[in-house]
């Protein structure tokens, strides 16, 4: 399924500490060096992703959803931007 998601990561990002008390609706958390499944590649970074828009039919529909996500999560995204290890 296509769509739009927000991803934050970094070599030294302590994602678990950042997400304690976070209001973001996280879809996936990943850790550097861990594999996805038995045959998966090891993750290059530590981080998380959040689905912002799952509407794969129209960019015209996704844009307002992305803008709403940014506005609704402005405070948390500002905290993320200043968080150690996020690149």
PDB file of N, CA and C in Angstrom:
ATOM      1  N   UNK A   1       0.845  -1.179   0.000  1.00  0.00           N
ATOM      2  CA  UNK A   1       0.000   0.000   0.000  1.00  0.00           C
ATOM      3  C   UNK A   1       0.886   1.237   0.000  1.00  0.00           C
ATOM      4  N   UNK A   2       0.600   2.135  -0.889  1.00  0.00           N
ATOM      5  CA  UNK A   2       1.334   3.395  -0.941  1.00  0.00           C
ATOM      6  C   UNK A   2       0.703   4.373   0.033  1.00  0.00           C
ATOM      7  N   UNK A   3       1.362   5.460   0.218  1.00  0.00           N
ATOM      8  CA  UNK A   3       0.866   6.493   1.115  1.00  0.00           C
ATOM      9  C   UNK A   3       2.006   7.388   1.520  1.00  0.00           C
ATOM     10  N   UNK A   4       1.798   8.117   2.571  1.00  0.00           N
ATOM     11  CA  UNK A   4       2.811   9.037   3.054  1.00  0.00           C
ATOM     12  C   UNK A   4       3.080   8.732   4.517  1.00  0.00           C
ATOM     13  N   UNK A   5       4.354   8.652   4.874  1.00  0.00           N
ATOM     14  CA  UNK A   5       4.689   8.467   6.274  1.00  0.00           C
ATOM     15  C   UNK A   5       5.846   9.346   6.675  1.00  0.00           C
ATOM     16  N   UNK A   6       5.923   9.624   7.948  1.00  0.00           N
ATOM     17  CA  UNK A   6       6.983  10.426   8.546  1.00  0.00           C
ATOM     18  C   UNK A   6       7.958   9.459   9.193  1.00  0.00           C
ATOM     19  N   UNK A   7       9.243   9.695   8.969  1.00  0.00           N
ATOM     20  CA  UNK A   7      10.266   8.820   9.528  1.00  0.00           C
ATOM     21  C   UNK A   7      11.342   9.667  10.193  1.00  0.00           C
ATOM     22  N   UNK A   8      11.770   9.248  11.378  1.00  0.00           N
ATOM     23  CA  UNK A   8      12.858   9.918  12.101  1.00  0.00           C
ATOM     24  C   UNK A   8      13.867   8.856  12.492  1.00  0.00           C
ATOM     25  N   UNK A   9      15.159   9.165  12.310  1.00  0.00           N
ATOM     26  CA  UNK A   9      16.180   8.167  12.620  1.00  0.00           C
ATOM     27  C   UNK A   9      17.522   8.830  12.894  1.00  0.00           C
ATOM     28  N   UNK A  10      18.460   8.004  13.325  1.00  0.00           N
ATOM     29  CA  UNK A  10      19.817   8.468  13.564  1.00  0.00           C
ATOM     30  C   UNK A  10      20.686   7.335  14.095  1.00  0.00           C
ATOM     31  N   UNK A  11      21.988   7.488  13.930  1.00  0.00           N
ATOM     32  CA  UNK A  11      22.945   6.484  14.426  1.00  0.00           C
ATOM     33  C   UNK A  11      22.889   6.352  15.939  1.00  0.00           C
ATOM     34  N   UNK A  12      22.742   7.466  16.619  1.00  0.00           N
ATOM     35  CA  UNK A  12      22.804   7.489  18.088  1.00  0.00           C
ATOM     36  C   UNK A  12      21.469   7.914  18.720  1.00  0.00           C
ATOM     37  N   UNK A  13      20.388   7.746  17.997  1.00  0.00           N
ATOM     38  CA  UNK A  13      19.059   8.159  18.446  1.00  0.00           C
ATOM     39  C   UNK A  13      18.509   7.127  19.440  1.00  0.00           C
ATOM     40  N   UNK A  14      18.210   7.556  20.658  1.00  0.00           N
ATOM     41  CA  UNK A  14      17.596   6.684  21.657  1.00  0.00           C
ATOM     42  C   UNK A  14      16.079   6.772  21.476  1.00  0.00           C
ATOM     43  N   UNK A  15      15.599   6.047  20.494  1.00  0.00           N
ATOM     44  CA  UNK A  15      14.193   6.117  20.101  1.00  0.00           C
ATOM     45  C   UNK A  15      13.261   5.710  21.234  1.00  0.00           C
ATOM     46  N   UNK A  16      13.641   4.717  22.009  1.00  0.00           N
ATOM     47  CA  UNK A  16      12.768   4.254  23.088  1.00  0.00           C
ATOM     48  C   UNK A  16      12.562   5.340  24.147  1.00  0.00           C
ATOM     49  N   UNK A  17      13.623   6.046  24.482  1.00  0.00           N
ATOM     50  CA  UNK A  17      13.497   7.145  25.448  1.00  0.00           C
ATOM     51  C   UNK A  17      12.665   8.282  24.881  1.00  0.00           C
ATOM     52  N   UNK A  18      12.874   8.608  23.611  1.00  0.00           N
ATOM     53  CA  UNK A  18      12.105   9.684  23.000  1.00  0.00           C
ATOM     54  C   UNK A  18      10.610   9.372  23.013  1.00  0.00           C
ATOM     55  N   UNK A  19      10.267   8.136  22.728  1.00  0.00           N
ATOM     56  CA  UNK A  19       8.857   7.786  22.586  1.00  0.00           C
ATOM     57  C   UNK A  19       8.107   7.640  23.905  1.00  0.00           C
ATOM     58  N   UNK A  20       8.827   7.601  25.032  1.00  0.00           N
ATOM     59  CA  UNK A  20       8.134   7.552  26.323  1.00  0.00           C
ATOM     60  C   UNK A  20       7.308   8.827  26.473  1.00  0.00           C
ATOM     61  N   UNK A  21       6.038   8.672  26.587  1.00  0.00           N
ATOM     62  CA  UNK A  21       5.155   9.821  26.748  1.00  0.00           C
ATOM     63  C   UNK A  21       4.838  10.573  25.469  1.00  0.00           C
ATOM     64  N   UNK A  22       5.366  10.118  24.340  1.00  0.00           N
ATOM     65  CA  UNK A  22       5.099  10.792  23.075  1.00  0.00           C
ATOM     66  C   UNK A  22       3.644  10.590  22.664  1.00  0.00           C
ATOM     67  N   UNK A  23       3.077  11.599  22.051  1.00  0.00           N
ATOM     68  CA  UNK A  23       1.703  11.520  21.581  1.00  0.00           C
ATOM     69  C   UNK A  23       1.607  11.058  20.126  1.00  0.00           C
ATOM     70  N   UNK A  24       2.755  10.824  19.498  1.00  0.00           N
ATOM     71  CA  UNK A  24       2.744  10.366  18.114  1.00  0.00           C
ATOM     72  C   UNK A  24       2.203   8.945  18.036  1.00  0.00           C
ATOM     73  N   UNK A  25       1.427   8.676  17.013  1.00  0.00           N
ATOM     74  CA  UNK A  25       0.866   7.349  16.786  1.00  0.00           C
ATOM     75  C   UNK A  25       1.846   6.565  15.920  1.00  0.00           C
ATOM     76  N   UNK A  26       2.828   5.963  16.564  1.00  0.00           N
ATOM     77  CA  UNK A  26       3.941   5.311  15.872  1.00  0.00           C
ATOM     78  C   UNK A  26       3.498   4.000  15.246  1.00  0.00           C
ATOM     79  N   UNK A  27       3.870   3.825  13.988  1.00  0.00           N
ATOM     80  CA  UNK A  27       3.544   2.615  13.248  1.00  0.00           C
ATOM     81  C   UNK A  27       4.625   1.547  13.419  1.00  0.00           C
ATOM     82  N   UNK A  28       5.883   1.988  13.427  1.00  0.00           N
ATOM     83  CA  UNK A  28       7.000   1.045  13.502  1.00  0.00           C
ATOM     84  C   UNK A  28       8.176   1.678  14.244  1.00  0.00           C
ATOM     85  N   UNK A  29       8.842   0.878  15.061  1.00  0.00           N
ATOM     86  CA  UNK A  29      10.085   1.271  15.722  1.00  0.00           C
ATOM     87  C   UNK A  29      11.146   0.289  15.263  1.00  0.00           C
ATOM     88  N   UNK A  30      12.324   0.793  14.930  1.00  0.00           N
ATOM     89  CA  UNK A  30      13.400  -0.085  14.489  1.00  0.00           C
ATOM     90  C   UNK A  30      14.690   0.311  15.188  1.00  0.00           C
ATOM     91  N   UNK A  31      15.579  -0.664  15.342  1.00  0.00           N
ATOM     92  CA  UNK A  31      16.835  -0.467  16.068  1.00  0.00           C
ATOM     93  C   UNK A  31      18.019  -0.894  15.211  1.00  0.00           C
ATOM     94  N   UNK A  32      19.033  -0.069  15.197  1.00  0.00           N
ATOM     95  CA  UNK A  32      20.238  -0.322  14.422  1.00  0.00           C
ATOM     96  C   UNK A  32      20.785  -1.714  14.734  1.00  0.00           C
ATOM     97  N   UNK A  33      21.077  -2.471  13.685  1.00  0.00           N
ATOM     98  CA  UNK A  33      21.662  -3.797  13.827  1.00  0.00           C
ATOM     99  C   UNK A  33      20.665  -4.924  13.931  1.00  0.00           C
ATOM    100  N   UNK A  34      19.403  -4.623  14.237  1.00  0.00           N
ATOM    101  CA  UNK A  34      18.391  -5.689  14.347  1.00  0.00           C
ATOM    102  C   UNK A  34      17.821  -5.986  12.970  1.00  0.00           C
ATOM    103  N   UNK A  35      17.469  -7.238  12.779  1.00  0.00           N
ATOM    104  CA  UNK A  35      16.922  -7.687  11.497  1.00  0.00           C
ATOM    105  C   UNK A  35      15.398  -7.755  11.535  1.00  0.00           C
ATOM    106  N   UNK A  36      14.804  -7.505  10.375  1.00  0.00           N
ATOM    107  CA  UNK A  36      13.360  -7.698  10.209  1.00  0.00           C
ATOM    108  C   UNK A  36      13.169  -9.116   9.698  1.00  0.00           C
ATOM    109  N   UNK A  37      12.783 -10.010  10.569  1.00  0.00           N
ATOM    110  CA  UNK A  37      12.588 -11.396  10.176  1.00  0.00           C
ATOM    111  C   UNK A  37      13.913 -12.129  10.048  1.00  0.00           C
ATOM    112  N   UNK A  38      13.861 -13.437   9.869  1.00  0.00           N
ATOM    113  CA  UNK A  38      15.076 -14.249   9.843  1.00  0.00           C
ATOM    114  C   UNK A  38      15.977 -13.987   8.641  1.00  0.00           C
ATOM    115  N   UNK A  39      15.415 -13.537   7.531  1.00  0.00           N
ATOM    116  CA  UNK A  39      16.212 -13.305   6.323  1.00  0.00           C
ATOM    117  C   UNK A  39      16.370 -11.828   5.980  1.00  0.00           C
ATOM    118  N   UNK A  40      15.923 -10.969   6.857  1.00  0.00           N
ATOM    119  CA  UNK A  40      15.963  -9.535   6.576  1.00  0.00           C
ATOM    120  C   UNK A  40      17.334  -8.927   6.797  1.00  0.00           C
ATOM    121  N   UNK A  41      17.535  -7.792   6.178  1.00  0.00           N
ATOM    122  CA  UNK A  41      18.772  -7.031   6.376  1.00  0.00           C
ATOM    123  C   UNK A  41      18.757  -6.365   7.744  1.00  0.00           C
ATOM    124  N   UNK A  42      19.942  -6.174   8.294  1.00  0.00           N
ATOM    125  CA  UNK A  42      20.058  -5.459   9.567  1.00  0.00           C
ATOM    126  C   UNK A  42      19.746  -3.981   9.335  1.00  0.00           C
ATOM    127  N   UNK A  43      19.028  -3.391  10.271  1.00  0.00           N
ATOM    128  CA  UNK A  43      18.703  -1.966  10.183  1.00  0.00           C
ATOM    129  C   UNK A  43      19.983  -1.136  10.245  1.00  0.00           C
ATOM    130  N   UNK A  44      20.068  -0.112   9.424  1.00  0.00           N
ATOM    131  CA  UNK A  44      21.237   0.773   9.411  1.00  0.00           C
ATOM    132  C   UNK A  44      21.149   1.860  10.467  1.00  0.00           C
ATOM    133  N   UNK A  45      19.923   2.184  10.902  1.00  0.00           N
ATOM    134  CA  UNK A  45      19.705   3.265  11.848  1.00  0.00           C
ATOM    135  C   UNK A  45      18.690   2.827  12.901  1.00  0.00           C
ATOM    136  N   UNK A  46      18.567   3.630  13.931  1.00  0.00           N
ATOM    137  CA  UNK A  46      17.524   3.473  14.931  1.00  0.00           C
ATOM    138  C   UNK A  46      16.505   4.570  14.704  1.00  0.00           C
ATOM    139  N   UNK A  47      15.223   4.247  14.818  1.00  0.00           N
ATOM    140  CA  UNK A  47      14.222   5.277  14.605  1.00  0.00           C
ATOM    141  C   UNK A  47      12.810   4.757  14.645  1.00  0.00           C
ATOM    142  N   UNK A  48      11.911   5.533  14.053  1.00  0.00           N
ATOM    143  CA  UNK A  48      10.501   5.167  14.012  1.00  0.00           C
ATOM    144  C   UNK A  48       9.843   5.760  12.783  1.00  0.00           C
ATOM    145  N   UNK A  49       8.662   5.232  12.467  1.00  0.00           N
ATOM    146  CA  UNK A  49       7.867   5.799  11.384  1.00  0.00           C
ATOM    147  C   UNK A  49       6.423   5.935  11.839  1.00  0.00           C
ATOM    148  N   UNK A  50       5.743   6.917  11.255  1.00  0.00           N
ATOM    149  CA  UNK A  50       4.344   7.213  11.551  1.00  0.00           C
ATOM    150  C   UNK A  50       3.618   7.350  10.220  1.00  0.00           C
ATOM    151  N   UNK A  51       2.536   6.592  10.038  1.00  0.00           N
ATOM    152  CA  UNK A  51       1.720   6.779   8.840  1.00  0.00           C
ATOM    153  C   UNK A  51       1.001   8.112   8.952  1.00  0.00           C
ATOM    154  N   UNK A  52       1.147   8.928   7.937  1.00  0.00           N
ATOM    155  CA  UNK A  52       0.515  10.243   7.918  1.00  0.00           C
ATOM    156  C   UNK A  52      -0.734  10.212   7.038  1.00  0.00           C
ATOM    157  N   UNK A  53      -0.625   9.548   5.908  1.00  0.00           N
ATOM    158  CA  UNK A  53      -1.752   9.431   4.991  1.00  0.00           C
ATOM    159  C   UNK A  53      -1.681   8.082   4.298  1.00  0.00           C
ATOM    160  N   UNK A  54      -2.727   7.302   4.432  1.00  0.00           N
ATOM    161  CA  UNK A  54      -2.758   6.007   3.773  1.00  0.00           C
ATOM    162  C   UNK A  54      -3.531   6.059   2.462  1.00  0.00           C
ATOM    163  N   UNK A  55      -3.921   7.225   2.045  1.00  0.00           N
ATOM    164  CA  UNK A  55      -4.664   7.386   0.802  1.00  0.00           C
ATOM    165  C   UNK A  55      -3.703   7.323  -0.370  1.00  0.00           C
ATOM    166  N   UNK A  56      -3.694   6.216  -1.067  1.00  0.00           N
ATOM    167  CA  UNK A  56      -2.764   6.052  -2.178  1.00  0.00           C
ATOM    168  C   UNK A  56      -3.361   6.487  -3.506  1.00  0.00           C
ATOM    169  N   UNK A  57      -4.564   6.958  -3.484  1.00  0.00           N
ATOM    170  CA  UNK A  57      -5.232   7.280  -4.738  1.00  0.00           C
ATOM    171  C   UNK A  57      -4.916   8.671  -5.264  1.00  0.00           C
ATOM    172  N   UNK A  58      -4.674   9.617  -4.386  1.00  0.00           N
ATOM    173  CA  UNK A  58      -4.589  10.998  -4.849  1.00  0.00           C
ATOM    174  C   UNK A  58      -3.636  11.830  -3.994  1.00  0.00           C
ATOM    175  N   UNK A  59      -2.667  12.433  -4.638  1.00  0.00           N
ATOM    176  CA  UNK A  59      -1.775  13.361  -3.941  1.00  0.00           C
ATOM    177  C   UNK A  59      -2.585  14.546  -3.429  1.00  0.00           C
ATOM    178  N   UNK A  60      -3.611  14.918  -4.176  1.00  0.00           N
ATOM    179  CA  UNK A  60      -4.475  16.031  -3.776  1.00  0.00           C
ATOM    180  C   UNK A  60      -5.141  15.758  -2.424  1.00  0.00           C
ATOM    181  N   UNK A  61      -5.420  14.504  -2.134  1.00  0.00           N
ATOM    182  CA  UNK A  61      -6.013  14.120  -0.857  1.00  0.00           C
ATOM    183  C   UNK A  61      -4.950  14.041   0.237  1.00  0.00           C
ATOM    184  N   UNK A  62      -3.746  13.594  -0.127  1.00  0.00           N
ATOM    185  CA  UNK A  62      -2.685  13.427   0.857  1.00  0.00           C
ATOM    186  C   UNK A  62      -2.159  14.748   1.400  1.00  0.00           C
ATOM    187  N   UNK A  63      -2.033  15.756   0.563  1.00  0.00           N
ATOM    188  CA  UNK A  63      -1.440  17.032   0.985  1.00  0.00           C
ATOM    189  C   UNK A  63      -2.159  17.641   2.187  1.00  0.00           C
ATOM    190  N   UNK A  64      -3.480  17.774   2.183  1.00  0.00           N
ATOM    191  CA  UNK A  64      -4.139  18.330   3.367  1.00  0.00           C
ATOM    192  C   UNK A  64      -3.941  17.464   4.617  1.00  0.00           C
ATOM    193  N   UNK A  65      -3.870  16.149   4.442  1.00  0.00           N
ATOM    194  CA  UNK A  65      -3.649  15.259   5.575  1.00  0.00           C
ATOM    195  C   UNK A  65      -2.254  15.456   6.164  1.00  0.00           C
ATOM    196  N   UNK A  66      -1.273  15.647   5.300  1.00  0.00           N
ATOM    197  CA  UNK A  66       0.105  15.884   5.762  1.00  0.00           C
ATOM    198  C   UNK A  66       0.191  17.227   6.484  1.00  0.00           C
ATOM    199  N   UNK A  67      -0.415  18.249   5.935  1.00  0.00           N
ATOM    200  CA  UNK A  67      -0.412  19.566   6.585  1.00  0.00           C
ATOM    201  C   UNK A  67      -1.088  19.479   7.953  1.00  0.00           C
ATOM    202  N   UNK A  68      -2.192  18.756   8.034  1.00  0.00           N
ATOM    203  CA  UNK A  68      -2.880  18.587   9.314  1.00  0.00           C
ATOM    204  C   UNK A  68      -1.983  17.851  10.312  1.00  0.00           C
ATOM    205  N   UNK A  69      -1.277  16.820   9.862  1.00  0.00           N
ATOM    206  CA  UNK A  69      -0.347  16.088  10.733  1.00  0.00           C
ATOM    207  C   UNK A  69       0.722  17.024  11.289  1.00  0.00           C
ATOM    208  N   UNK A  70       1.313  17.842  10.424  1.00  0.00           N
ATOM    209  CA  UNK A  70       2.365  18.767  10.859  1.00  0.00           C
ATOM    210  C   UNK A  70       1.832  19.782  11.865  1.00  0.00           C
ATOM    211  N   UNK A  71       0.661  20.290  11.616  1.00  0.00           N
ATOM    212  CA  UNK A  71       0.065  21.268  12.540  1.00  0.00           C
ATOM    213  C   UNK A  71      -0.292  20.631  13.879  1.00  0.00           C
ATOM    214  N   UNK A  72      -0.919  19.465  13.831  1.00  0.00           N
ATOM    215  CA  UNK A  72      -1.349  18.785  15.057  1.00  0.00           C
ATOM    216  C   UNK A  72      -0.170  18.317  15.914  1.00  0.00           C
ATOM    217  N   UNK A  73       0.951  18.063  15.277  1.00  0.00           N
ATOM    218  CA  UNK A  73       2.101  17.510  15.990  1.00  0.00           C
ATOM    219  C   UNK A  73       3.291  18.464  16.047  1.00  0.00           C
ATOM    220  N   UNK A  74       3.031  19.743  15.830  1.00  0.00           N
ATOM    221  CA  UNK A  74       4.104  20.741  15.785  1.00  0.00           C
ATOM    222  C   UNK A  74       4.984  20.711  17.031  1.00  0.00           C
ATOM    223  N   UNK A  75       4.388  20.659  18.181  1.00  0.00           N
ATOM    224  CA  UNK A  75       5.147  20.677  19.429  1.00  0.00           C
ATOM    225  C   UNK A  75       6.034  19.431  19.552  1.00  0.00           C
ATOM    226  N   UNK A  76       5.470  18.275  19.242  1.00  0.00           N
ATOM    227  CA  UNK A  76       6.232  17.024  19.344  1.00  0.00           C
ATOM    228  C   UNK A  76       7.334  16.959  18.284  1.00  0.00           C
ATOM    229  N   UNK A  77       7.066  17.459  17.101  1.00  0.00           N
ATOM    230  CA  UNK A  77       8.082  17.471  16.044  1.00  0.00           C
ATOM    231  C   UNK A  77       9.204  18.455  16.372  1.00  0.00           C
ATOM    232  N   UNK A  78       8.881  19.545  17.043  1.00  0.00           N
ATOM    233  CA  UNK A  78       9.918  20.484  17.495  1.00  0.00           C
ATOM    234  C   UNK A  78      10.798  19.828  18.552  1.00  0.00           C
ATOM    235  N   UNK A  79      10.177  19.081  19.451  1.00  0.00           N
ATOM    236  CA  UNK A  79      10.948  18.344  20.461  1.00  0.00           C
ATOM    237  C   UNK A  79      11.861  17.318  19.783  1.00  0.00           C
ATOM    238  N   UNK A  80      11.346  16.661  18.775  1.00  0.00           N
ATOM    239  CA  UNK A  80      12.130  15.684  18.028  1.00  0.00           C
ATOM    240  C   UNK A  80      13.322  16.339  17.332  1.00  0.00           C
ATOM    241  N   UNK A  81      13.105  17.496  16.740  1.00  0.00           N
ATOM    242  CA  UNK A  81      14.177  18.189  16.019  1.00  0.00           C
ATOM    243  C   UNK A  81      15.350  18.533  16.927  1.00  0.00           C
ATOM    244  N   UNK A  82      15.082  18.734  18.212  1.00  0.00           N
ATOM    245  CA  UNK A  82      16.123  19.091  19.174  1.00  0.00           C
ATOM    246  C   UNK A  82      16.673  17.879  19.931  1.00  0.00           C
ATOM    247  N   UNK A  83      16.084  16.713  19.687  1.00  0.00           N
ATOM    248  CA  UNK A  83      16.455  15.529  20.460  1.00  0.00           C
ATOM    249  C   UNK A  83      17.828  15.007  20.020  1.00  0.00           C
ATOM    250  N   UNK A  84      18.712  14.665  20.972  1.00  0.00           N
ATOM    251  CA  UNK A  84      20.054  14.180  20.632  1.00  0.00           C
ATOM    252  C   UNK A  84      20.000  12.918  19.771  1.00  0.00           C
ATOM    253  N   UNK A  85      20.857  12.879  18.785  1.00  0.00           N
ATOM    254  CA  UNK A  85      21.023  11.677  17.970  1.00  0.00           C
ATOM    255  C   UNK A  85      20.160  11.602  16.732  1.00  0.00           C
ATOM    256  N   UNK A  86      19.176  12.477  16.604  1.00  0.00           N
ATOM    257  CA  UNK A  86      18.311  12.457  15.415  1.00  0.00           C
ATOM    258  C   UNK A  86      19.050  13.150  14.275  1.00  0.00           C
ATOM    259  N   UNK A  87      19.147  12.457  13.170  1.00  0.00           N
ATOM    260  CA  UNK A  87      19.781  13.059  12.006  1.00  0.00           C
ATOM    261  C   UNK A  87      18.823  13.119  10.847  1.00  0.00           C
TER     262      UNK A  87
END
